[in-house]
Amino acid sequence: MNEKSWASLAPLLDRRRYVESLAAGVKIRAHGDFRFLATMNDDASTFDLPEYIHSLLMPMILFVGDRIVRRHDTRTCLLEGGDPKG
């Protein structure tokens, strides 16, 4: 996605919890149970996430195939006695 598209998702992913369409003139608030899930292909067509978006996507679980490679959920990892960095 281009930078402008990612920027439009920022308020949804931080504590503001809404997405807004200036063209349609509407603001949609996220449900309290809303969760965001994103997948990315690992090939030449994939671009990195902007850092400000990456910082909003916590906790994060990285899968390769059906195997968990890294978990960025500090609380769960500490409760399980694991390392939150993987």
Protein backbone atom coordinates (compact mmCIF):
# COMPACT_ATOMS: atom_id res chain seq x y z
CA MET A 1 0.00 0.00 0.00
CA ASN A 2 1.16 3.50 -0.54
CA GLU A 3 2.01 5.90 2.29
CA LYS A 4 -1.28 7.80 2.06
CA SER A 5 -3.26 4.57 2.50
CA TRP A 6 -1.26 3.57 5.57
CA ALA A 7 -1.68 7.07 7.02
CA SER A 8 -5.47 6.76 6.77
CA LEU A 9 -5.31 3.64 8.98
CA ALA A 10 -3.24 5.25 11.74
CA PRO A 11 -6.22 6.62 13.73
CA LEU A 12 -7.84 3.19 13.62
CA LEU A 13 -4.78 1.50 15.08
CA ASP A 14 -3.98 3.96 17.86
CA ARG A 15 -6.13 5.10 20.79
CA ARG A 16 -8.40 7.21 18.55
CA ARG A 17 -9.95 3.98 17.12
CA TYR A 18 -11.70 5.33 14.02
CA VAL A 19 -11.35 5.46 10.26
CA GLU A 20 -12.49 8.51 8.33
CA SER A 21 -13.47 9.13 4.74
CA LEU A 22 -13.08 12.77 3.79
CA ALA A 23 -14.61 12.10 0.37
CA ALA A 24 -17.78 10.61 1.89
CA GLY A 25 -17.70 12.86 4.96
CA VAL A 26 -18.04 10.02 7.46
CA LYS A 27 -16.11 8.88 10.53
CA ILE A 28 -16.58 5.27 11.61
CA ARG A 29 -15.66 4.31 15.15
CA ALA A 30 -14.19 0.86 15.80
CA HIS A 31 -16.09 -1.60 17.96
CA GLY A 32 -14.49 -2.21 21.36
CA ASP A 33 -13.59 -5.77 20.32
CA PHE A 34 -12.08 -4.70 16.98
CA ARG A 35 -8.76 -6.37 16.14
CA PHE A 36 -6.57 -5.68 13.11
CA LEU A 37 -4.94 -8.51 11.20
CA ALA A 38 -2.53 -7.99 8.34
CA THR A 39 -0.59 -10.36 6.15
CA MET A 40 2.24 -9.57 3.78
CA ASN A 41 3.82 -11.54 0.99
CA ASP A 42 7.53 -12.14 1.26
CA ASP A 43 8.60 -11.28 -2.28
CA ALA A 44 9.90 -8.40 -4.38
CA SER A 45 6.45 -6.79 -4.60
CA THR A 46 6.29 -6.30 -0.81
CA PHE A 47 7.22 -2.99 0.74
CA ASP A 48 8.09 -2.47 4.39
CA LEU A 49 5.50 -1.09 6.77
CA PRO A 50 6.01 2.55 7.73
CA GLU A 51 7.61 2.69 11.19
CA TYR A 52 4.69 4.57 12.76
CA ILE A 53 2.31 1.81 11.60
CA HIS A 54 4.67 -0.94 12.73
CA SER A 55 4.79 0.59 16.23
CA LEU A 56 0.96 0.45 16.44
CA LEU A 57 0.76 -3.25 15.55
CA MET A 58 1.47 -4.76 18.94
CA PRO A 59 1.29 -7.51 19.98
CA MET A 60 2.67 -9.05 16.81
CA ILE A 61 3.16 -12.72 15.96
CA LEU A 62 5.33 -13.59 12.99
CA PHE A 63 4.59 -16.89 11.24
CA VAL A 64 6.61 -18.65 8.58
CA GLY A 65 4.40 -21.40 7.19
CA ASP A 66 2.67 -22.88 10.22
CA ARG A 67 5.52 -22.13 12.62
CA ILE A 68 5.70 -19.13 15.00
CA VAL A 69 9.03 -17.39 14.46
CA ARG A 70 8.73 -14.38 16.79
CA ARG A 71 6.21 -13.13 19.31
CA HIS A 72 6.05 -9.49 20.30
CA ASP A 73 3.54 -9.94 23.10
CA THR A 74 5.61 -9.24 26.18
CA ARG A 75 2.92 -10.10 28.73
CA THR A 76 2.10 -13.53 27.26
CA CYS A 77 5.75 -14.40 26.73
CA LEU A 78 6.61 -13.48 30.30
CA LEU A 79 3.68 -15.49 31.67
CA GLU A 80 4.85 -18.47 29.62
CA GLY A 81 8.45 -17.93 30.70
CA GLY A 82 9.61 -17.17 27.16
CA ASP A 83 11.57 -14.40 25.55
CA PRO A 84 9.28 -11.72 24.02
CA LYS A 85 11.81 -11.20 21.21
CA GLY A 86 11.39 -14.77 20.03
